[in-house]
Each structure stands twice: as structure tokens, then as C-alpha cells.
């Protein structure tokens, strides 16, 4: 048997035949994968059509920003449907509702995306000037479009917010900073910036999944001037159990269209010690 195998191995014809089978096998595999992709696209299209019909008025249905309108079926950096439902980061709503009673001079949104918070906060805090920043040009344009759709005049826009941006502002009086900038918070809140933010309440999504040194760095800096407490994200399925729409959604639809993140995240809510 060993002699036969050796003869086959050294024979070029053996490899030519095996190579032909190899090509045929991978062609079959390619076609199978292609069919699977096409079938998944059809399946997703069916579910997406259902959800587009449910949310066809493009209006936030529940929560802090109920009544806010989206100009189109587009969100940046996160799923759209939790925002339209009003379940998106609803863990934070009670705290934001309390904070907003402060009647802030400025609300600064760093990483505004399409404007869920920037436009929403401008809507529920009409006496505040909202400053919305995002380095993604498409996201910033979407935010501008949503502000126009909701006929808001108390919102301004910028592309990049760094420490110099914050230091250049007149932050006398009470102000709110909302920060969701995918890890940039470590750079933004460092090097003594806390002394310039002593009149600001600050809400930060901490992205320790990118860099575990983010929380110690940010909280070490801001802890000099602010008290801190945490809010943690909740399980998507448990959140949606609180909404009437849950009975119309399959587990697949919840997992695919309403999941906000891949794991538990936390936010830091910081208020001035002084």
C-alpha cells in the first residue's frame, strides 16, 4: 500500500486529477455560500419591510424624545429601530430627565451621529443652545437634516470637538456635556481639563471594550472636580418586554434590528462637587 501511495504521490497525473476535484469542490462551496447569502438578503428584506411599515411615520414613539421625527430611514453608528421605538438607551432617560430640569446654558454633544440626542435635547430644552459635533460628515449632515425636520433653531454644528474647543467656550452658568465618541473620551477628558468644566454636568459612555485604561484615566481626571455614579445597559429582550410592540416581533427581529450593543456597557454621570 505504501508503495502504491508513493507512486501516486510522485505521479504528476495524480495531482492534476486532485487539483481538478479541488477546483470543483470549491466551486460548489462558492455557489452554496452565494445561495445562502442571497437567501439571507431576501429574509432580511422581508423583516425590514415589516419594520418599515410599522415605523412608516418615522416618529419616535416612546420615551424622552417622543414625537421627534426622522427625515429618513437612516441612523449612524447604531440601529435605527430602537430609536424610533424609544427604547434606545432608555436606561438613561430618568437621569437625563432630572438633569434637563437644570435649564442649561449649553448642551454639548460630542459624537452626535444623526442627532438622536442633539436634536432630542434641543427639542425638550428649548432655552438651551445645543452644540452638536461629529467628525463623520455624513452623520453631521444627517443631524442638520433632522434639526430642520423638527424645525429647531437652538442647535449649532461642528465637526471636531477637542480640549481647545471646550476651553474656548464661555462655560459660566450650568452646562451639560454628552459624550459618545468611541474611545476618544480618554483624550478629551485629560491633562487638567476638569478645571475648565467645573460648572458642567457630564454624561459619558465609557468604551472600555476598546481600551480598559479609559475608565481609570477619564474618572481619575474628572473625579478631581466631579462626583460620579454609573448606569449600566440592560438586556435587549428584557427592555422590549416593556413595550407593546414586543408581541409583534420575533426573537430574530429583536436580535437583528433592536440589539444596541454586543455586551454590557456603562455610562458615567458626573456632577460638580462645588
C-alpha atoms as a PDB file:
ATOM      1  CA  UNK A   1       0.000   0.000   0.000  1.00  0.00           C
ATOM      2  CA  UNK A   2       2.824   2.397   0.888  1.00  0.00           C
ATOM      3  CA  UNK A   3       4.481   1.732  -2.483  1.00  0.00           C
ATOM      4  CA  UNK A   4       1.236   2.439  -4.324  1.00  0.00           C
ATOM      5  CA  UNK A   5       0.715   5.680  -2.412  1.00  0.00           C
ATOM      6  CA  UNK A   6       4.316   6.739  -3.088  1.00  0.00           C
ATOM      7  CA  UNK A   7       3.906   6.057  -6.801  1.00  0.00           C
ATOM      8  CA  UNK A   8       0.682   8.075  -6.856  1.00  0.00           C
ATOM      9  CA  UNK A   9       2.284  10.966  -4.964  1.00  0.00           C
ATOM     10  CA  UNK A  10       5.183  11.303  -7.391  1.00  0.00           C
ATOM     11  CA  UNK A  11       2.940  10.964 -10.445  1.00  0.00           C
ATOM     12  CA  UNK A  12       2.011  14.419 -11.899  1.00  0.00           C
ATOM     13  CA  UNK A  13      -1.244  12.958 -13.228  1.00  0.00           C
ATOM     14  CA  UNK A  14      -2.401  12.276  -9.627  1.00  0.00           C
ATOM     15  CA  UNK A  15      -2.007  15.948  -8.701  1.00  0.00           C
ATOM     16  CA  UNK A  16      -3.684  17.109 -11.883  1.00  0.00           C
ATOM     17  CA  UNK A  17      -6.737  14.963 -11.055  1.00  0.00           C
ATOM     18  CA  UNK A  18      -6.775  16.068  -7.383  1.00  0.00           C
ATOM     19  CA  UNK A  19      -6.439  19.708  -8.424  1.00  0.00           C
ATOM     20  CA  UNK A  20      -9.455  19.344 -10.715  1.00  0.00           C
ATOM     21  CA  UNK A  21     -11.522  17.882  -7.873  1.00  0.00           C
ATOM     22  CA  UNK A  22     -10.273  20.667  -5.590  1.00  0.00           C
ATOM     23  CA  UNK A  23     -11.469  23.328  -8.040  1.00  0.00           C
ATOM     24  CA  UNK A  24     -14.850  21.619  -8.489  1.00  0.00           C
ATOM     25  CA  UNK A  25     -15.281  21.298  -4.696  1.00  0.00           C
ATOM     26  CA  UNK A  26     -14.598  24.971  -4.050  1.00  0.00           C
ATOM     27  CA  UNK A  27     -16.814  25.999  -6.942  1.00  0.00           C
ATOM     28  CA  UNK A  28     -19.657  24.056  -5.348  1.00  0.00           C
ATOM     29  CA  UNK A  29     -18.843  25.635  -1.963  1.00  0.00           C
ATOM     30  CA  UNK A  30     -18.779  29.119  -3.518  1.00  0.00           C
ATOM     31  CA  UNK A  31     -22.172  28.590  -5.155  1.00  0.00           C
ATOM     32  CA  UNK A  32     -23.602  27.205  -1.886  1.00  0.00           C
ATOM     33  CA  UNK A  33     -22.336  30.245   0.062  1.00  0.00           C
ATOM     34  CA  UNK A  34     -23.692  32.579  -2.613  1.00  0.00           C
ATOM     35  CA  UNK A  35     -27.140  30.995  -2.392  1.00  0.00           C
ATOM     36  CA  UNK A  36     -27.033  31.283   1.411  1.00  0.00           C
ATOM     37  CA  UNK A  37     -26.172  34.991   1.159  1.00  0.00           C
ATOM     38  CA  UNK A  38     -28.965  35.607  -1.346  1.00  0.00           C
ATOM     39  CA  UNK A  39     -31.480  33.766   0.840  1.00  0.00           C
ATOM     40  CA  UNK A  40     -30.404  35.774   3.898  1.00  0.00           C
ATOM     41  CA  UNK A  41     -30.791  39.029   1.968  1.00  0.00           C
ATOM     42  CA  UNK A  42     -34.315  38.003   0.986  1.00  0.00           C
ATOM     43  CA  UNK A  43     -35.108  37.074   4.594  1.00  0.00           C
ATOM     44  CA  UNK A  44     -33.740  40.375   5.920  1.00  0.00           C
ATOM     45  CA  UNK A  45     -35.585  42.309   3.245  1.00  0.00           C
ATOM     46  CA  UNK A  46     -38.858  40.712   4.361  1.00  0.00           C
ATOM     47  CA  UNK A  47     -38.288  41.659   8.009  1.00  0.00           C
ATOM     48  CA  UNK A  48     -37.048  45.130   7.119  1.00  0.00           C
ATOM     49  CA  UNK A  49     -40.158  45.750   5.026  1.00  0.00           C
ATOM     50  CA  UNK A  50     -42.306  44.764   8.001  1.00  0.00           C
ATOM     51  CA  UNK A  51     -40.474  47.148  10.344  1.00  0.00           C
ATOM     52  CA  UNK A  52     -40.509  49.987   7.825  1.00  0.00           C
ATOM     53  CA  UNK A  53     -44.259  49.603   7.645  1.00  0.00           C
ATOM     54  CA  UNK A  54     -44.589  49.645  11.444  1.00  0.00           C
ATOM     55  CA  UNK A  55     -42.462  52.805  11.727  1.00  0.00           C
ATOM     56  CA  UNK A  56     -43.524  54.388   8.446  1.00  0.00           C
ATOM     57  CA  UNK A  57     -44.246  57.763  10.081  1.00  0.00           C
ATOM     58  CA  UNK A  58     -40.551  57.960  11.136  1.00  0.00           C
ATOM     59  CA  UNK A  59     -41.603  59.366  14.516  1.00  0.00           C
ATOM     60  CA  UNK A  60     -40.162  58.365  17.897  1.00  0.00           C
ATOM     61  CA  UNK A  61     -42.997  56.567  19.677  1.00  0.00           C
ATOM     62  CA  UNK A  62     -41.989  56.494  23.334  1.00  0.00           C
ATOM     63  CA  UNK A  63     -39.597  57.877  25.860  1.00  0.00           C
ATOM     64  CA  UNK A  64     -37.843  61.157  26.425  1.00  0.00           C
ATOM     65  CA  UNK A  65     -37.943  62.273  22.791  1.00  0.00           C
ATOM     66  CA  UNK A  66     -41.424  61.071  21.905  1.00  0.00           C
ATOM     67  CA  UNK A  67     -42.685  62.905  18.834  1.00  0.00           C
ATOM     68  CA  UNK A  68     -39.253  63.640  17.348  1.00  0.00           C
ATOM     69  CA  UNK A  69     -39.228  62.942  13.608  1.00  0.00           C
ATOM     70  CA  UNK A  70     -36.532  61.350  11.486  1.00  0.00           C
ATOM     71  CA  UNK A  71     -36.155  62.644   7.918  1.00  0.00           C
ATOM     72  CA  UNK A  72     -35.365  59.184   6.514  1.00  0.00           C
ATOM     73  CA  UNK A  73     -34.751  55.550   7.486  1.00  0.00           C
ATOM     74  CA  UNK A  74     -31.131  56.160   8.422  1.00  0.00           C
ATOM     75  CA  UNK A  75     -29.119  56.146  11.633  1.00  0.00           C
ATOM     76  CA  UNK A  76     -25.367  56.451  12.058  1.00  0.00           C
ATOM     77  CA  UNK A  77     -23.314  54.267  14.376  1.00  0.00           C
ATOM     78  CA  UNK A  78     -26.292  52.380  15.814  1.00  0.00           C
ATOM     79  CA  UNK A  79     -29.549  50.710  14.856  1.00  0.00           C
ATOM     80  CA  UNK A  80     -32.452  52.948  13.824  1.00  0.00           C
ATOM     81  CA  UNK A  81     -35.425  50.976  15.109  1.00  0.00           C
ATOM     82  CA  UNK A  82     -34.651  51.197  18.865  1.00  0.00           C
ATOM     83  CA  UNK A  83     -34.534  54.968  18.405  1.00  0.00           C
ATOM     84  CA  UNK A  84     -37.870  55.089  16.613  1.00  0.00           C
ATOM     85  CA  UNK A  85     -39.387  52.821  19.260  1.00  0.00           C
ATOM     86  CA  UNK A  86     -37.924  54.919  22.074  1.00  0.00           C
ATOM     87  CA  UNK A  87     -36.124  52.000  23.694  1.00  0.00           C
ATOM     88  CA  UNK A  88     -32.657  53.180  22.668  1.00  0.00           C
ATOM     89  CA  UNK A  89     -30.517  53.649  25.798  1.00  0.00           C
ATOM     90  CA  UNK A  90     -33.729  54.163  27.769  1.00  0.00           C
ATOM     91  CA  UNK A  91     -31.745  53.161  30.859  1.00  0.00           C
ATOM     92  CA  UNK A  92     -30.572  56.794  30.842  1.00  0.00           C
ATOM     93  CA  UNK A  93     -33.916  58.549  30.412  1.00  0.00           C
ATOM     94  CA  UNK A  94     -34.796  59.025  34.103  1.00  0.00           C
ATOM     95  CA  UNK A  95     -31.393  60.588  34.755  1.00  0.00           C
ATOM     96  CA  UNK A  96     -31.496  62.812  31.688  1.00  0.00           C
ATOM     97  CA  UNK A  97     -34.997  63.934  32.619  1.00  0.00           C
ATOM     98  CA  UNK A  98     -33.705  65.043  36.017  1.00  0.00           C
ATOM     99  CA  UNK A  99     -30.622  66.709  34.571  1.00  0.00           C
ATOM    100  CA  UNK A 100     -32.547  68.652  31.941  1.00  0.00           C
ATOM    101  CA  UNK A 101     -34.551  70.455  34.637  1.00  0.00           C
ATOM    102  CA  UNK A 102     -31.356  72.425  35.290  1.00  0.00           C
ATOM    103  CA  UNK A 103     -32.166  74.590  32.237  1.00  0.00           C
ATOM    104  CA  UNK A 104     -28.636  74.507  30.826  1.00  0.00           C
ATOM    105  CA  UNK A 105     -26.961  77.360  29.007  1.00  0.00           C
ATOM    106  CA  UNK A 106     -25.139  74.990  26.646  1.00  0.00           C
ATOM    107  CA  UNK A 107     -25.688  71.322  25.857  1.00  0.00           C
ATOM    108  CA  UNK A 108     -22.592  69.986  24.107  1.00  0.00           C
ATOM    109  CA  UNK A 109     -22.973  66.686  22.255  1.00  0.00           C
ATOM    110  CA  UNK A 110     -19.624  65.142  21.305  1.00  0.00           C
ATOM    111  CA  UNK A 111     -20.255  62.366  18.787  1.00  0.00           C
ATOM    112  CA  UNK A 112     -23.794  63.389  17.845  1.00  0.00           C
ATOM    113  CA  UNK A 113     -24.237  60.891  14.957  1.00  0.00           C
ATOM    114  CA  UNK A 114     -27.533  61.610  13.158  1.00  0.00           C
ATOM    115  CA  UNK A 115     -28.770  63.639  16.133  1.00  0.00           C
ATOM    116  CA  UNK A 116     -30.855  61.399  18.367  1.00  0.00           C
ATOM    117  CA  UNK A 117     -29.590  63.174  21.476  1.00  0.00           C
ATOM    118  CA  UNK A 118     -28.586  66.524  19.968  1.00  0.00           C
ATOM    119  CA  UNK A 119     -31.943  67.122  18.298  1.00  0.00           C
ATOM    120  CA  UNK A 120     -33.895  65.416  21.073  1.00  0.00           C
ATOM    121  CA  UNK A 121     -32.290  67.567  23.773  1.00  0.00           C
ATOM    122  CA  UNK A 122     -32.766  70.718  21.702  1.00  0.00           C
ATOM    123  CA  UNK A 123     -36.440  69.789  21.478  1.00  0.00           C
ATOM    124  CA  UNK A 124     -37.026  69.216  25.205  1.00  0.00           C
ATOM    125  CA  UNK A 125     -34.714  72.018  26.374  1.00  0.00           C
ATOM    126  CA  UNK A 126     -35.679  74.915  24.087  1.00  0.00           C
ATOM    127  CA  UNK A 127     -33.916  77.544  26.206  1.00  0.00           C
ATOM    128  CA  UNK A 128     -30.553  75.784  25.858  1.00  0.00           C
ATOM    129  CA  UNK A 129     -28.174  76.176  22.931  1.00  0.00           C
ATOM    130  CA  UNK A 130     -27.166  72.723  21.690  1.00  0.00           C
ATOM    131  CA  UNK A 131     -23.729  72.358  20.100  1.00  0.00           C
ATOM    132  CA  UNK A 132     -23.515  69.127  18.073  1.00  0.00           C
ATOM    133  CA  UNK A 133     -20.159  67.695  16.967  1.00  0.00           C
ATOM    134  CA  UNK A 134     -19.244  64.715  14.812  1.00  0.00           C
ATOM    135  CA  UNK A 135     -16.190  64.017  12.651  1.00  0.00           C
ATOM    136  CA  UNK A 136     -18.325  61.906  10.282  1.00  0.00           C
ATOM    137  CA  UNK A 137     -19.528  64.356   7.632  1.00  0.00           C
ATOM    138  CA  UNK A 138     -22.466  62.174   6.583  1.00  0.00           C
ATOM    139  CA  UNK A 139     -23.616  61.828  10.187  1.00  0.00           C
ATOM    140  CA  UNK A 140     -23.328  65.571  10.782  1.00  0.00           C
ATOM    141  CA  UNK A 141     -25.334  66.329   7.628  1.00  0.00           C
ATOM    142  CA  UNK A 142     -27.995  63.864   8.810  1.00  0.00           C
ATOM    143  CA  UNK A 143     -28.093  65.689  12.154  1.00  0.00           C
ATOM    144  CA  UNK A 144     -28.606  69.006  10.376  1.00  0.00           C
ATOM    145  CA  UNK A 145     -31.385  67.462   8.311  1.00  0.00           C
ATOM    146  CA  UNK A 146     -33.120  66.124  11.421  1.00  0.00           C
ATOM    147  CA  UNK A 147     -32.881  69.510  13.129  1.00  0.00           C
ATOM    148  CA  UNK A 148     -34.575  71.059  10.076  1.00  0.00           C
ATOM    149  CA  UNK A 149     -37.235  68.344  10.010  1.00  0.00           C
ATOM    150  CA  UNK A 150     -38.097  69.157  13.628  1.00  0.00           C
ATOM    151  CA  UNK A 151     -37.923  72.938  12.980  1.00  0.00           C
ATOM    152  CA  UNK A 152     -35.315  73.586  15.667  1.00  0.00           C
ATOM    153  CA  UNK A 153     -33.349  76.832  15.781  1.00  0.00           C
ATOM    154  CA  UNK A 154     -31.425  76.333  19.042  1.00  0.00           C
ATOM    155  CA  UNK A 155     -28.793  73.984  17.628  1.00  0.00           C
ATOM    156  CA  UNK A 156     -25.420  74.613  16.005  1.00  0.00           C
ATOM    157  CA  UNK A 157     -22.960  72.173  14.418  1.00  0.00           C
ATOM    158  CA  UNK A 158     -19.244  71.480  14.336  1.00  0.00           C
ATOM    159  CA  UNK A 159     -17.051  68.687  13.044  1.00  0.00           C
ATOM    160  CA  UNK A 160     -14.393  68.231  15.718  1.00  0.00           C
ATOM    161  CA  UNK A 161     -14.503  68.942  19.433  1.00  0.00           C
ATOM    162  CA  UNK A 162     -11.246  68.784  21.369  1.00  0.00           C
ATOM    163  CA  UNK A 163      -9.982  70.306  24.598  1.00  0.00           C
ATOM    164  CA  UNK A 164      -9.288  73.649  22.931  1.00  0.00           C
ATOM    165  CA  UNK A 165     -12.891  73.698  21.693  1.00  0.00           C
ATOM    166  CA  UNK A 166     -14.202  73.263  25.225  1.00  0.00           C
ATOM    167  CA  UNK A 167     -11.762  75.775  26.708  1.00  0.00           C
ATOM    168  CA  UNK A 168     -12.789  78.393  24.142  1.00  0.00           C
ATOM    169  CA  UNK A 169     -16.432  78.302  25.278  1.00  0.00           C
ATOM    170  CA  UNK A 170     -17.967  80.541  27.893  1.00  0.00           C
ATOM    171  CA  UNK A 171     -18.976  77.786  30.293  1.00  0.00           C
ATOM    172  CA  UNK A 172     -20.120  80.073  33.082  1.00  0.00           C
ATOM    173  CA  UNK A 173     -23.529  79.029  34.332  1.00  0.00           C
ATOM    174  CA  UNK A 174     -24.677  75.410  34.190  1.00  0.00           C
ATOM    175  CA  UNK A 175     -23.931  73.295  31.132  1.00  0.00           C
ATOM    176  CA  UNK A 176     -24.263  69.679  30.044  1.00  0.00           C
ATOM    177  CA  UNK A 177     -21.753  67.630  28.055  1.00  0.00           C
ATOM    178  CA  UNK A 178     -22.970  64.406  26.437  1.00  0.00           C
ATOM    179  CA  UNK A 179     -20.111  62.296  25.103  1.00  0.00           C
ATOM    180  CA  UNK A 180     -20.262  59.161  22.954  1.00  0.00           C
ATOM    181  CA  UNK A 181     -17.112  59.249  20.873  1.00  0.00           C
ATOM    182  CA  UNK A 182     -15.927  55.632  20.624  1.00  0.00           C
ATOM    183  CA  UNK A 183     -12.926  55.857  22.942  1.00  0.00           C
ATOM    184  CA  UNK A 184     -11.849  59.446  22.228  1.00  0.00           C
ATOM    185  CA  UNK A 185     -13.167  60.325  25.699  1.00  0.00           C
ATOM    186  CA  UNK A 186      -9.788  59.248  27.091  1.00  0.00           C
ATOM    187  CA  UNK A 187      -8.043  62.010  25.143  1.00  0.00           C
ATOM    188  CA  UNK A 188     -10.801  64.602  25.527  1.00  0.00           C
ATOM    189  CA  UNK A 189     -11.021  64.335  29.319  1.00  0.00           C
ATOM    190  CA  UNK A 190      -7.352  64.502  30.294  1.00  0.00           C
ATOM    191  CA  UNK A 191      -4.493  66.889  31.028  1.00  0.00           C
ATOM    192  CA  UNK A 192      -6.281  69.036  33.597  1.00  0.00           C
ATOM    193  CA  UNK A 193      -9.424  69.697  31.517  1.00  0.00           C
ATOM    194  CA  UNK A 194     -11.539  69.110  34.634  1.00  0.00           C
ATOM    195  CA  UNK A 195     -10.671  72.602  35.925  1.00  0.00           C
ATOM    196  CA  UNK A 196     -12.415  74.084  32.868  1.00  0.00           C
ATOM    197  CA  UNK A 197     -15.574  72.003  33.362  1.00  0.00           C
ATOM    198  CA  UNK A 198     -16.466  72.794  36.975  1.00  0.00           C
ATOM    199  CA  UNK A 199     -19.917  74.128  36.005  1.00  0.00           C
ATOM    200  CA  UNK A 200     -20.732  71.192  33.710  1.00  0.00           C
ATOM    201  CA  UNK A 201     -22.745  68.059  34.276  1.00  0.00           C
ATOM    202  CA  UNK A 202     -21.207  65.328  32.126  1.00  0.00           C
ATOM    203  CA  UNK A 203     -22.665  62.135  30.675  1.00  0.00           C
ATOM    204  CA  UNK A 204     -20.077  59.816  29.124  1.00  0.00           C
ATOM    205  CA  UNK A 205     -20.426  56.425  27.506  1.00  0.00           C
ATOM    206  CA  UNK A 206     -17.265  54.590  28.561  1.00  0.00           C
ATOM    207  CA  UNK A 207     -15.783  52.403  25.825  1.00  0.00           C
ATOM    208  CA  UNK A 208     -13.574  50.140  27.913  1.00  0.00           C
ATOM    209  CA  UNK A 209     -14.136  47.369  25.360  1.00  0.00           C
ATOM    210  CA  UNK A 210     -11.627  49.252  23.160  1.00  0.00           C
ATOM    211  CA  UNK A 211      -9.159  50.146  25.904  1.00  0.00           C
ATOM    212  CA  UNK A 212      -9.500  49.129  29.548  1.00  0.00           C
ATOM    213  CA  UNK A 213      -7.490  52.155  30.657  1.00  0.00           C
ATOM    214  CA  UNK A 214     -10.252  54.539  29.502  1.00  0.00           C
ATOM    215  CA  UNK A 215     -12.321  54.498  32.703  1.00  0.00           C
ATOM    216  CA  UNK A 216      -9.394  54.867  35.121  1.00  0.00           C
ATOM    217  CA  UNK A 217      -7.985  57.712  33.020  1.00  0.00           C
ATOM    218  CA  UNK A 218     -11.241  59.631  32.484  1.00  0.00           C
ATOM    219  CA  UNK A 219     -12.569  59.156  36.007  1.00  0.00           C
ATOM    220  CA  UNK A 220      -9.190  59.918  37.519  1.00  0.00           C
ATOM    221  CA  UNK A 221      -9.233  63.287  35.765  1.00  0.00           C
ATOM    222  CA  UNK A 222     -12.884  64.250  36.251  1.00  0.00           C
ATOM    223  CA  UNK A 223     -13.036  62.793  39.753  1.00  0.00           C
ATOM    224  CA  UNK A 224     -10.977  65.774  40.915  1.00  0.00           C
ATOM    225  CA  UNK A 225     -13.939  68.102  40.414  1.00  0.00           C
ATOM    226  CA  UNK A 226     -16.996  65.881  39.981  1.00  0.00           C
ATOM    227  CA  UNK A 227     -18.986  63.231  41.780  1.00  0.00           C
ATOM    228  CA  UNK A 228     -19.586  60.128  39.672  1.00  0.00           C
ATOM    229  CA  UNK A 229     -22.137  57.349  39.501  1.00  0.00           C
ATOM    230  CA  UNK A 230     -22.804  54.710  36.892  1.00  0.00           C
ATOM    231  CA  UNK A 231     -25.694  53.473  34.779  1.00  0.00           C
ATOM    232  CA  UNK A 232     -25.450  50.068  33.096  1.00  0.00           C
ATOM    233  CA  UNK A 233     -27.037  48.883  29.854  1.00  0.00           C
ATOM    234  CA  UNK A 234     -29.824  46.307  30.014  1.00  0.00           C
ATOM    235  CA  UNK A 235     -30.608  43.114  28.117  1.00  0.00           C
ATOM    236  CA  UNK A 236     -32.407  43.942  24.854  1.00  0.00           C
ATOM    237  CA  UNK A 237     -35.110  41.306  25.262  1.00  0.00           C
ATOM    238  CA  UNK A 238     -35.886  42.440  28.807  1.00  0.00           C
ATOM    239  CA  UNK A 239     -36.107  46.047  27.651  1.00  0.00           C
ATOM    240  CA  UNK A 240     -38.522  45.267  24.842  1.00  0.00           C
ATOM    241  CA  UNK A 241     -40.793  43.303  27.179  1.00  0.00           C
ATOM    242  CA  UNK A 242     -41.845  46.727  28.495  1.00  0.00           C
ATOM    243  CA  UNK A 243     -43.220  47.763  25.093  1.00  0.00           C
ATOM    244  CA  UNK A 244     -46.490  46.735  23.466  1.00  0.00           C
ATOM    245  CA  UNK A 245     -44.730  46.105  20.159  1.00  0.00           C
ATOM    246  CA  UNK A 246     -42.868  43.120  21.646  1.00  0.00           C
ATOM    247  CA  UNK A 247     -45.715  40.721  20.836  1.00  0.00           C
ATOM    248  CA  UNK A 248     -45.414  41.619  17.144  1.00  0.00           C
ATOM    249  CA  UNK A 249     -41.679  40.919  16.953  1.00  0.00           C
ATOM    250  CA  UNK A 250     -39.872  37.608  16.597  1.00  0.00           C
ATOM    251  CA  UNK A 251     -36.725  36.855  18.579  1.00  0.00           C
ATOM    252  CA  UNK A 252     -34.811  37.046  15.300  1.00  0.00           C
ATOM    253  CA  UNK A 253     -36.108  40.573  14.649  1.00  0.00           C
ATOM    254  CA  UNK A 254     -35.217  41.718  18.151  1.00  0.00           C
ATOM    255  CA  UNK A 255     -31.714  40.279  17.905  1.00  0.00           C
ATOM    256  CA  UNK A 256     -31.127  41.639  14.404  1.00  0.00           C
ATOM    257  CA  UNK A 257     -32.787  45.056  14.497  1.00  0.00           C
ATOM    258  CA  UNK A 258     -33.105  46.132  18.136  1.00  0.00           C
ATOM    259  CA  UNK A 259     -29.869  44.975  19.771  1.00  0.00           C
ATOM    260  CA  UNK A 260     -27.904  48.088  20.695  1.00  0.00           C
ATOM    261  CA  UNK A 261     -24.544  46.527  21.589  1.00  0.00           C
ATOM    262  CA  UNK A 262     -22.748  43.198  21.905  1.00  0.00           C
ATOM    263  CA  UNK A 263     -22.290  43.317  25.657  1.00  0.00           C
ATOM    264  CA  UNK A 264     -22.944  45.276  28.813  1.00  0.00           C
ATOM    265  CA  UNK A 265     -21.804  48.897  28.608  1.00  0.00           C
ATOM    266  CA  UNK A 266     -21.853  51.593  31.234  1.00  0.00           C
ATOM    267  CA  UNK A 267     -22.231  55.322  31.364  1.00  0.00           C
ATOM    268  CA  UNK A 268     -20.719  57.695  33.903  1.00  0.00           C
ATOM    269  CA  UNK A 269     -22.902  60.555  35.117  1.00  0.00           C
ATOM    270  CA  UNK A 270     -20.745  63.270  36.657  1.00  0.00           C
ATOM    271  CA  UNK A 271     -21.987  66.275  38.603  1.00  0.00           C
ATOM    272  CA  UNK A 272     -19.830  69.108  40.001  1.00  0.00           C
ATOM    273  CA  UNK A 273     -18.681  68.775  43.613  1.00  0.00           C
ATOM    274  CA  UNK A 274     -18.800  72.535  44.087  1.00  0.00           C
END
